[in-house]
N, C-alpha and C. Protein backbone atom coordinates (compact mmCIF):
# COMPACT_ATOMS: atom_id res chain seq x y z
N UNK A 1 -14.04 71.26 53.63
CA UNK A 1 -14.92 70.14 52.91
C UNK A 1 -14.22 69.86 51.63
N UNK A 2 -13.92 68.59 51.49
CA UNK A 2 -13.34 68.04 50.13
C UNK A 2 -14.51 67.90 49.17
N UNK A 3 -14.24 68.61 48.01
CA UNK A 3 -15.33 68.34 46.93
C UNK A 3 -15.52 66.82 46.45
N UNK A 4 -14.67 66.15 46.72
CA UNK A 4 -14.71 64.69 46.18
C UNK A 4 -15.69 63.80 47.27
N UNK A 5 -15.92 64.32 48.44
CA UNK A 5 -16.69 63.62 49.39
C UNK A 5 -18.08 63.78 48.87
N UNK A 6 -18.52 64.75 48.13
CA UNK A 6 -19.85 64.99 47.71
C UNK A 6 -20.24 64.13 46.43
N UNK A 7 -19.19 63.23 46.02
CA UNK A 7 -19.70 62.46 44.85
C UNK A 7 -20.46 61.14 45.40
N UNK A 8 -21.31 60.78 44.48
CA UNK A 8 -21.93 59.43 44.83
C UNK A 8 -21.05 58.26 44.63
N UNK A 9 -21.29 57.22 45.20
CA UNK A 9 -20.45 56.02 45.04
C UNK A 9 -20.67 55.29 43.57
N UNK A 10 -19.66 54.78 43.18
CA UNK A 10 -19.48 54.16 41.84
C UNK A 10 -20.60 52.97 41.80
N UNK A 11 -21.17 52.91 40.78
CA UNK A 11 -22.17 51.89 40.48
C UNK A 11 -21.26 50.67 39.70
N UNK A 12 -21.64 49.47 40.06
CA UNK A 12 -20.92 48.21 39.62
C UNK A 12 -21.53 47.78 38.26
N UNK A 13 -20.97 47.55 37.31
CA UNK A 13 -21.47 47.30 36.00
C UNK A 13 -22.39 45.85 36.13
N UNK A 14 -23.19 45.83 35.44
CA UNK A 14 -24.10 44.65 35.52
C UNK A 14 -23.24 43.40 34.79
N UNK A 15 -23.27 42.27 35.32
CA UNK A 15 -22.47 41.26 34.74
C UNK A 15 -23.13 40.91 33.35
N UNK A 16 -22.20 40.64 32.37
CA UNK A 16 -22.52 40.36 30.95
C UNK A 16 -22.83 38.73 30.82
N UNK A 17 -23.98 38.50 30.27
CA UNK A 17 -24.39 37.06 30.11
C UNK A 17 -23.67 36.65 28.74
N UNK A 18 -23.90 35.37 28.67
CA UNK A 18 -23.28 34.81 27.37
C UNK A 18 -24.35 34.81 26.24
N UNK A 19 -25.51 35.01 26.69
CA UNK A 19 -26.70 35.25 25.51
C UNK A 19 -27.20 36.65 25.55
N UNK A 20 -27.51 37.05 24.51
CA UNK A 20 -27.20 37.03 22.94
C UNK A 20 -25.74 37.27 22.83
N UNK A 21 -25.22 36.63 21.96
CA UNK A 21 -23.80 37.07 21.46
C UNK A 21 -23.89 38.21 20.81
N UNK A 22 -22.53 38.72 20.55
CA UNK A 22 -22.19 40.12 19.81
C UNK A 22 -22.52 39.70 18.48
N UNK A 23 -22.70 40.75 17.66
CA UNK A 23 -22.90 40.56 16.23
C UNK A 23 -21.82 39.97 15.44
N UNK A 24 -20.61 39.92 15.93
CA UNK A 24 -19.63 39.37 15.23
C UNK A 24 -19.62 37.63 15.50
N UNK A 25 -20.16 37.31 16.53
CA UNK A 25 -20.33 35.87 16.79
C UNK A 25 -21.39 35.29 15.90
N UNK A 26 -22.44 36.11 15.58
CA UNK A 26 -23.44 35.64 14.64
C UNK A 26 -22.85 35.33 13.32
N UNK A 27 -22.04 36.34 12.94
CA UNK A 27 -21.38 36.10 11.57
C UNK A 27 -20.53 34.92 11.48
N UNK A 28 -19.64 34.71 12.64
CA UNK A 28 -18.90 33.56 12.59
C UNK A 28 -19.60 32.15 12.56
N UNK A 29 -20.94 32.16 13.28
CA UNK A 29 -21.70 31.11 13.39
C UNK A 29 -22.35 30.73 12.14
N UNK A 30 -22.48 31.68 11.21
CA UNK A 30 -22.86 31.56 9.80
C UNK A 30 -22.07 30.95 9.03
N UNK A 31 -20.63 31.50 9.14
CA UNK A 31 -19.53 31.12 8.27
C UNK A 31 -18.97 29.92 8.46
N UNK A 32 -19.03 29.38 9.72
CA UNK A 32 -18.43 27.98 10.23
C UNK A 32 -18.97 26.86 9.42
N UNK A 33 -20.15 26.62 9.32
CA UNK A 33 -20.62 25.40 8.47
C UNK A 33 -20.20 25.64 7.09
N UNK A 34 -19.98 26.83 6.42
CA UNK A 34 -19.79 27.04 5.10
C UNK A 34 -18.09 26.69 5.15
N UNK A 35 -17.52 27.05 5.83
CA UNK A 35 -15.95 26.67 5.96
C UNK A 35 -15.84 25.23 6.03
N UNK A 36 -16.58 24.56 7.00
CA UNK A 36 -16.42 22.98 7.07
C UNK A 36 -16.86 22.28 5.78
N UNK A 37 -17.88 22.86 5.13
CA UNK A 37 -18.36 22.20 4.00
C UNK A 37 -17.39 22.26 2.82
N UNK A 38 -16.72 23.53 2.70
CA UNK A 38 -15.71 23.81 1.69
C UNK A 38 -14.44 22.90 2.01
N UNK A 39 -14.08 22.89 3.39
CA UNK A 39 -12.94 21.97 3.40
C UNK A 39 -13.17 20.41 3.20
N UNK A 40 -14.37 20.00 3.41
CA UNK A 40 -14.72 18.66 3.12
C UNK A 40 -14.75 18.42 1.57
N UNK A 41 -15.13 19.42 0.91
CA UNK A 41 -15.24 19.16 -0.63
C UNK A 41 -13.61 19.23 -1.11
N UNK A 42 -13.03 19.91 -0.42
CA UNK A 42 -11.63 20.06 -0.99
C UNK A 42 -10.73 18.91 -0.63
N UNK A 43 -10.92 18.35 0.55
CA UNK A 43 -10.49 16.92 0.98
C UNK A 43 -10.78 15.80 -0.02
N UNK A 44 -12.15 15.94 -0.55
CA UNK A 44 -12.45 14.79 -1.48
C UNK A 44 -11.76 14.86 -2.85
N UNK A 45 -11.47 16.11 -3.16
CA UNK A 45 -10.72 16.28 -4.61
C UNK A 45 -9.24 16.02 -4.50
N UNK A 46 -8.64 15.93 -3.35
CA UNK A 46 -7.24 15.74 -3.25
C UNK A 46 -6.86 14.16 -3.65
N UNK A 47 -5.85 13.96 -4.31
CA UNK A 47 -5.53 12.60 -4.54
C UNK A 47 -5.42 11.72 -3.43
N UNK A 48 -5.72 10.51 -3.55
CA UNK A 48 -5.77 9.52 -2.36
C UNK A 48 -4.29 8.94 -2.16
N UNK A 49 -3.61 8.87 -3.02
CA UNK A 49 -2.25 8.37 -2.84
C UNK A 49 -1.14 9.37 -2.30
N UNK A 50 -1.60 10.39 -1.72
CA UNK A 50 -0.67 11.39 -1.17
C UNK A 50 0.26 10.91 -0.11
N UNK A 51 -0.32 10.02 0.63
CA UNK A 51 0.56 9.35 1.63
C UNK A 51 1.49 8.38 1.28
N UNK A 52 1.36 7.98 0.09
CA UNK A 52 2.24 6.84 -0.50
C UNK A 52 3.73 7.30 -0.76
N UNK A 53 4.68 6.56 -0.57
CA UNK A 53 6.03 6.88 -0.76
C UNK A 53 6.19 7.40 -2.23
N UNK A 54 6.76 8.66 -2.35
CA UNK A 54 6.94 9.12 -3.69
C UNK A 54 8.07 8.45 -4.56
N UNK A 55 8.85 7.74 -3.99
CA UNK A 55 9.79 7.03 -4.73
C UNK A 55 9.54 5.88 -5.34
N UNK A 56 8.47 5.21 -4.94
CA UNK A 56 7.98 4.06 -5.51
C UNK A 56 6.26 4.22 -6.13
N UNK A 57 6.23 4.20 -7.27
CA UNK A 57 4.94 4.44 -7.85
C UNK A 57 3.78 3.61 -7.35
N UNK A 58 2.59 3.94 -7.55
CA UNK A 58 1.35 2.99 -7.02
C UNK A 58 1.33 1.87 -8.02
N UNK A 59 1.07 0.78 -7.43
CA UNK A 59 1.02 -0.38 -8.28
C UNK A 59 -0.49 -0.59 -8.83
N UNK A 60 -0.39 -1.21 -10.08
CA UNK A 60 -1.89 -1.52 -10.66
C UNK A 60 -2.47 -2.53 -9.86
N UNK A 61 -3.79 -2.71 -10.09
CA UNK A 61 -4.46 -3.85 -9.38
C UNK A 61 -4.08 -5.19 -9.47
N UNK A 62 -3.63 -5.54 -10.62
CA UNK A 62 -3.20 -6.89 -11.11
C UNK A 62 -1.86 -7.26 -10.29
N UNK A 63 -0.87 -6.24 -10.20
CA UNK A 63 0.32 -6.56 -9.49
C UNK A 63 -0.09 -6.52 -8.00
N UNK A 64 -0.84 -5.61 -7.60
CA UNK A 64 -1.24 -5.67 -6.09
C UNK A 64 -1.81 -6.90 -5.75
N UNK A 65 -2.68 -7.44 -6.54
CA UNK A 65 -3.41 -8.76 -6.31
C UNK A 65 -2.36 -9.84 -6.16
N UNK A 66 -1.50 -9.80 -7.03
CA UNK A 66 -0.42 -10.81 -7.14
C UNK A 66 0.56 -10.81 -5.88
N UNK A 67 0.89 -9.54 -5.53
CA UNK A 67 1.56 -9.46 -4.27
C UNK A 67 0.95 -9.94 -3.06
N UNK A 68 -0.42 -9.54 -2.95
CA UNK A 68 -1.26 -10.02 -1.97
C UNK A 68 -1.27 -11.57 -1.89
N UNK A 69 -1.48 -12.24 -3.04
CA UNK A 69 -1.29 -13.68 -3.15
C UNK A 69 -0.07 -14.22 -2.79
N UNK A 70 0.93 -13.58 -3.15
CA UNK A 70 2.39 -14.05 -2.75
C UNK A 70 2.63 -14.03 -1.25
N UNK A 71 2.15 -13.09 -0.51
CA UNK A 71 2.22 -12.87 0.84
C UNK A 71 1.23 -13.85 1.60
N UNK A 72 0.12 -14.26 0.94
CA UNK A 72 -0.78 -15.47 1.53
C UNK A 72 -0.24 -16.84 1.33
N UNK A 73 0.82 -17.10 0.45
CA UNK A 73 1.23 -18.30 0.30
C UNK A 73 2.01 -19.02 1.49
N UNK A 74 1.80 -20.06 1.99
CA UNK A 74 2.51 -20.61 3.12
C UNK A 74 3.80 -20.95 2.84
N UNK A 75 4.76 -20.44 3.38
CA UNK A 75 6.28 -20.79 3.08
C UNK A 75 6.65 -21.99 3.93
N UNK A 76 7.46 -22.88 3.17
CA UNK A 76 7.96 -24.15 3.83
C UNK A 76 9.11 -24.12 4.82
N UNK A 77 8.94 -23.49 5.74
CA UNK A 77 9.98 -23.29 6.87
C UNK A 77 10.06 -24.72 7.62
N UNK A 78 11.14 -24.82 8.26
CA UNK A 78 11.32 -25.94 9.27
C UNK A 78 11.32 -27.53 8.43
N UNK A 79 11.99 -27.43 7.35
CA UNK A 79 11.95 -28.69 6.68
C UNK A 79 10.72 -29.20 6.00
N UNK A 80 9.84 -28.48 5.81
CA UNK A 80 8.52 -28.86 5.28
C UNK A 80 8.97 -28.98 3.84
N UNK A 81 8.22 -29.95 3.13
CA UNK A 81 8.48 -30.10 1.67
C UNK A 81 7.99 -28.62 1.00
N UNK A 82 9.04 -28.29 -0.04
CA UNK A 82 9.00 -26.99 -0.71
C UNK A 82 8.31 -27.26 -2.04
N UNK A 83 7.87 -28.45 -2.30
CA UNK A 83 7.34 -28.74 -3.74
C UNK A 83 6.02 -28.07 -3.92
N UNK A 84 5.14 -27.98 -3.20
CA UNK A 84 3.96 -27.46 -3.34
C UNK A 84 3.94 -25.84 -3.30
N UNK A 85 4.77 -25.45 -2.46
CA UNK A 85 4.87 -23.90 -2.55
C UNK A 85 5.62 -23.54 -3.94
N UNK A 86 6.64 -24.15 -4.35
CA UNK A 86 7.28 -23.90 -5.69
C UNK A 86 6.16 -24.08 -6.64
N UNK A 87 5.29 -24.99 -6.65
CA UNK A 87 4.22 -25.10 -7.78
C UNK A 87 3.22 -23.93 -7.69
N UNK A 88 2.86 -23.34 -6.50
CA UNK A 88 2.14 -22.28 -6.32
C UNK A 88 2.86 -21.01 -6.87
N UNK A 89 4.19 -20.77 -6.59
CA UNK A 89 4.97 -19.62 -7.06
C UNK A 89 4.95 -19.66 -8.63
N UNK A 90 5.15 -20.99 -9.26
CA UNK A 90 5.02 -20.95 -10.65
C UNK A 90 3.84 -20.56 -11.16
N UNK A 91 2.75 -21.23 -10.61
CA UNK A 91 1.32 -20.94 -11.01
C UNK A 91 1.04 -19.43 -11.03
N UNK A 92 1.38 -18.73 -9.94
CA UNK A 92 1.18 -17.31 -9.71
C UNK A 92 1.84 -16.66 -10.79
N UNK A 93 3.21 -16.98 -11.11
CA UNK A 93 4.00 -16.12 -12.23
C UNK A 93 3.33 -16.43 -13.68
N UNK A 94 3.04 -17.55 -13.58
CA UNK A 94 2.24 -17.93 -15.20
C UNK A 94 1.00 -17.22 -15.41
N UNK A 95 0.24 -17.17 -14.42
CA UNK A 95 -1.11 -16.52 -14.49
C UNK A 95 -0.77 -15.09 -14.82
N UNK A 96 0.12 -14.50 -14.03
CA UNK A 96 0.49 -13.13 -14.18
C UNK A 96 1.00 -12.77 -15.61
N UNK A 97 1.88 -13.69 -16.23
CA UNK A 97 2.51 -13.60 -17.34
C UNK A 97 1.37 -13.82 -18.61
N UNK A 98 0.31 -14.74 -18.36
CA UNK A 98 -0.65 -14.95 -19.32
C UNK A 98 -1.54 -13.73 -19.41
N UNK A 99 -1.60 -13.10 -18.27
CA UNK A 99 -2.51 -11.76 -18.26
C UNK A 99 -1.77 -10.69 -18.98
N UNK A 100 -0.49 -10.54 -18.45
CA UNK A 100 0.17 -9.31 -19.11
C UNK A 100 0.82 -9.72 -20.59
N UNK A 101 1.16 -10.66 -20.84
CA UNK A 101 1.70 -11.00 -22.23
C UNK A 101 0.99 -12.18 -22.84
N UNK A 102 -0.21 -11.86 -23.24
CA UNK A 102 -1.00 -12.90 -23.79
C UNK A 102 -0.48 -13.43 -25.27
N UNK A 103 0.20 -12.71 -26.00
CA UNK A 103 0.70 -13.17 -27.36
C UNK A 103 2.14 -13.97 -27.41
N UNK A 104 2.76 -13.81 -26.14
CA UNK A 104 3.92 -14.59 -26.01
C UNK A 104 3.83 -16.05 -25.76
N UNK A 105 2.64 -16.36 -25.16
CA UNK A 105 2.51 -17.96 -25.02
C UNK A 105 3.54 -18.40 -23.88
N UNK A 106 3.70 -17.47 -23.02
CA UNK A 106 4.71 -17.92 -21.92
C UNK A 106 4.19 -18.91 -21.06
N UNK A 107 2.96 -19.07 -20.71
CA UNK A 107 2.34 -20.32 -19.87
C UNK A 107 2.89 -21.51 -20.33
N UNK A 108 3.18 -21.76 -21.56
CA UNK A 108 3.54 -22.98 -22.15
C UNK A 108 5.14 -23.29 -21.96
N UNK A 109 6.00 -22.32 -21.54
CA UNK A 109 7.44 -22.44 -21.39
C UNK A 109 7.66 -23.33 -20.18
N UNK A 110 8.84 -23.81 -20.01
CA UNK A 110 9.31 -24.57 -18.88
C UNK A 110 10.70 -24.47 -18.61
N UNK A 111 11.21 -25.18 -17.56
CA UNK A 111 12.48 -25.27 -17.33
C UNK A 111 13.48 -23.88 -17.65
N UNK A 112 14.58 -23.95 -18.36
CA UNK A 112 15.32 -22.81 -18.38
C UNK A 112 14.75 -21.64 -19.30
N UNK A 113 13.92 -22.19 -20.35
CA UNK A 113 13.20 -21.20 -21.16
C UNK A 113 12.32 -20.32 -20.40
N UNK A 114 11.63 -20.82 -19.42
CA UNK A 114 10.66 -20.21 -18.39
C UNK A 114 11.56 -19.20 -17.65
N UNK A 115 12.54 -19.72 -17.07
CA UNK A 115 13.36 -18.56 -16.28
C UNK A 115 13.86 -17.56 -17.16
N UNK A 116 14.35 -17.93 -18.43
CA UNK A 116 14.98 -16.83 -19.30
C UNK A 116 13.93 -15.91 -19.71
N UNK A 117 12.54 -16.24 -20.02
CA UNK A 117 11.44 -15.33 -20.19
C UNK A 117 11.23 -14.41 -19.00
N UNK A 118 11.32 -15.01 -17.86
CA UNK A 118 11.20 -14.22 -16.76
C UNK A 118 12.06 -13.16 -16.52
N UNK A 119 13.57 -13.51 -16.70
CA UNK A 119 14.52 -12.68 -16.51
C UNK A 119 14.61 -11.64 -17.64
N UNK A 120 14.13 -11.95 -18.86
CA UNK A 120 14.11 -10.81 -19.92
C UNK A 120 13.10 -9.86 -19.51
N UNK A 121 12.12 -10.23 -18.78
CA UNK A 121 11.16 -9.22 -18.42
C UNK A 121 11.44 -8.21 -17.07
N UNK A 122 12.29 -8.88 -16.37
CA UNK A 122 12.90 -8.18 -15.20
C UNK A 122 14.29 -8.58 -14.72
N UNK A 123 15.38 -8.19 -15.16
CA UNK A 123 16.73 -8.81 -14.85
C UNK A 123 16.93 -8.33 -13.52
N UNK A 124 16.33 -7.36 -12.79
CA UNK A 124 16.58 -7.12 -11.48
C UNK A 124 16.41 -8.20 -10.49
N UNK A 125 15.23 -8.89 -10.87
CA UNK A 125 14.95 -10.09 -9.91
C UNK A 125 15.94 -11.22 -9.91
N UNK A 126 16.56 -11.27 -10.99
CA UNK A 126 17.59 -12.49 -11.16
C UNK A 126 16.90 -13.75 -10.81
N UNK A 127 15.78 -14.16 -11.56
CA UNK A 127 15.19 -15.42 -11.18
C UNK A 127 15.79 -16.65 -11.98
N UNK A 128 16.98 -16.31 -12.94
CA UNK A 128 17.50 -17.30 -13.43
C UNK A 128 18.52 -18.18 -12.37
N UNK A 129 18.85 -17.47 -11.43
CA UNK A 129 19.68 -18.25 -10.38
C UNK A 129 18.86 -19.21 -9.77
N UNK A 130 17.58 -19.19 -9.67
CA UNK A 130 16.63 -19.90 -8.95
C UNK A 130 16.04 -21.03 -9.85
N UNK A 131 17.19 -22.03 -10.15
CA UNK A 131 16.56 -23.22 -11.04
C UNK A 131 15.73 -24.10 -10.07
N UNK A 132 15.81 -23.96 -8.80
CA UNK A 132 14.87 -24.83 -8.03
C UNK A 132 13.42 -24.49 -8.16
N UNK A 133 13.31 -23.16 -8.78
CA UNK A 133 11.79 -22.95 -8.85
C UNK A 133 11.12 -23.68 -9.87
N UNK A 134 11.88 -24.05 -10.93
CA UNK A 134 11.14 -25.10 -11.84
C UNK A 134 11.47 -26.52 -11.67
N UNK A 135 12.53 -26.86 -10.96
CA UNK A 135 12.95 -28.24 -10.82
C UNK A 135 12.39 -28.70 -9.49
N UNK A 136 12.19 -27.87 -8.37
CA UNK A 136 11.80 -28.47 -7.03
C UNK A 136 10.43 -29.09 -6.99
N UNK A 137 9.57 -28.65 -8.00
CA UNK A 137 8.11 -29.08 -7.83
C UNK A 137 8.12 -30.75 -8.19
N UNK A 138 9.25 -31.00 -8.86
CA UNK A 138 9.18 -32.34 -9.43
C UNK A 138 10.13 -33.42 -8.61
N UNK A 139 10.85 -32.79 -7.63
CA UNK A 139 11.45 -33.74 -6.72
C UNK A 139 10.82 -34.29 -5.72
N UNK A 140 10.99 -35.79 -5.27
CA UNK A 140 10.14 -36.28 -4.49
C UNK A 140 10.17 -35.61 -2.96
N UNK A 141 11.29 -35.02 -2.52
CA UNK A 141 11.25 -34.33 -1.27
C UNK A 141 12.24 -33.04 -1.60
N UNK A 142 11.68 -32.03 -1.65
CA UNK A 142 12.58 -30.90 -1.93
C UNK A 142 12.35 -29.96 -0.49
N UNK A 143 13.38 -29.72 0.02
CA UNK A 143 13.57 -28.86 1.25
C UNK A 143 14.44 -27.60 1.10
N UNK A 144 14.08 -26.45 1.58
CA UNK A 144 14.84 -25.29 1.34
C UNK A 144 15.13 -24.73 2.86
N UNK A 145 16.37 -24.12 2.73
CA UNK A 145 16.69 -23.41 4.21
C UNK A 145 15.88 -22.06 4.17
N UNK A 146 15.91 -21.47 5.38
CA UNK A 146 15.13 -20.21 5.43
C UNK A 146 15.64 -19.16 4.67
N UNK A 147 16.99 -18.98 4.46
CA UNK A 147 17.61 -18.12 3.68
C UNK A 147 17.16 -18.29 2.26
N UNK A 148 17.10 -19.36 1.90
CA UNK A 148 16.82 -19.74 0.27
C UNK A 148 15.29 -19.32 0.13
N UNK A 149 14.43 -19.63 1.04
CA UNK A 149 12.93 -19.22 0.99
C UNK A 149 12.83 -17.84 0.81
N UNK A 150 13.56 -17.13 1.79
CA UNK A 150 13.44 -15.53 1.79
C UNK A 150 13.99 -14.82 0.59
N UNK A 151 14.97 -15.45 0.17
CA UNK A 151 15.62 -15.00 -1.05
C UNK A 151 14.68 -15.33 -2.26
N UNK A 152 14.11 -16.40 -2.51
CA UNK A 152 13.33 -16.59 -3.73
C UNK A 152 12.10 -15.89 -3.53
N UNK A 153 11.43 -15.85 -2.25
CA UNK A 153 10.37 -14.96 -2.11
C UNK A 153 10.63 -13.57 -2.53
N UNK A 154 11.59 -12.94 -2.18
CA UNK A 154 12.06 -11.75 -2.42
C UNK A 154 12.17 -11.43 -3.97
N UNK A 155 12.90 -12.38 -4.50
CA UNK A 155 13.05 -12.28 -6.07
C UNK A 155 11.77 -12.30 -6.89
N UNK A 156 10.81 -13.18 -6.37
CA UNK A 156 9.49 -13.15 -6.98
C UNK A 156 8.70 -11.74 -6.77
N UNK A 157 8.97 -11.27 -5.56
CA UNK A 157 8.23 -9.92 -5.18
C UNK A 157 8.80 -8.91 -6.14
N UNK A 158 10.10 -8.92 -6.31
CA UNK A 158 10.65 -7.85 -7.11
C UNK A 158 10.35 -8.10 -8.66
N UNK A 159 10.18 -9.25 -9.10
CA UNK A 159 9.66 -9.51 -10.37
C UNK A 159 8.23 -8.90 -10.58
N UNK A 160 7.43 -9.28 -9.58
CA UNK A 160 5.97 -8.87 -9.84
C UNK A 160 6.03 -7.28 -9.75
N UNK A 161 6.70 -6.64 -8.95
CA UNK A 161 6.72 -5.16 -8.77
C UNK A 161 7.36 -4.46 -10.18
N UNK A 162 8.39 -5.02 -10.89
CA UNK A 162 9.23 -4.26 -11.62
C UNK A 162 9.13 -4.97 -13.06
N UNK A 163 8.35 -5.96 -13.41
CA UNK A 163 8.44 -6.54 -14.54
C UNK A 163 7.80 -5.61 -15.48
N UNK A 164 8.44 -5.64 -16.81
CA UNK A 164 8.14 -4.57 -17.83
C UNK A 164 6.62 -4.87 -18.35
């Protein structure tokens, strides 16, 4: 007779339920809300412009508002009279100059003196090439091709972004 035959059969362990959790889970349940709260506080302290391009600095509100207004101006494509658009561009630039340079009385300048003033503040924009900016508003019918409209719009945008 084999001694192993005398042993009782094995008892299957009882199934383990999900409740109550082990002591380590209680500790994790207590720490999780604290970790979430700390993470949210840390996110609030981080700078908001971290996603912006590092090569271009953030614009001040005045420049940003001017760029937004420039984008909202209706461009005179398809042979539409460009005079009103040119007047709006001049008005936008003059308001910006009056705000930025109140002592220079730049809003009283006209023609080449106005373009020279703009070019002195930002030579990169090259606005002296765009004499149409000051003359076009006074022509009876002034139309620009699409390339000229895009070029002038880009020059004004550069001036707004980079003027001293």
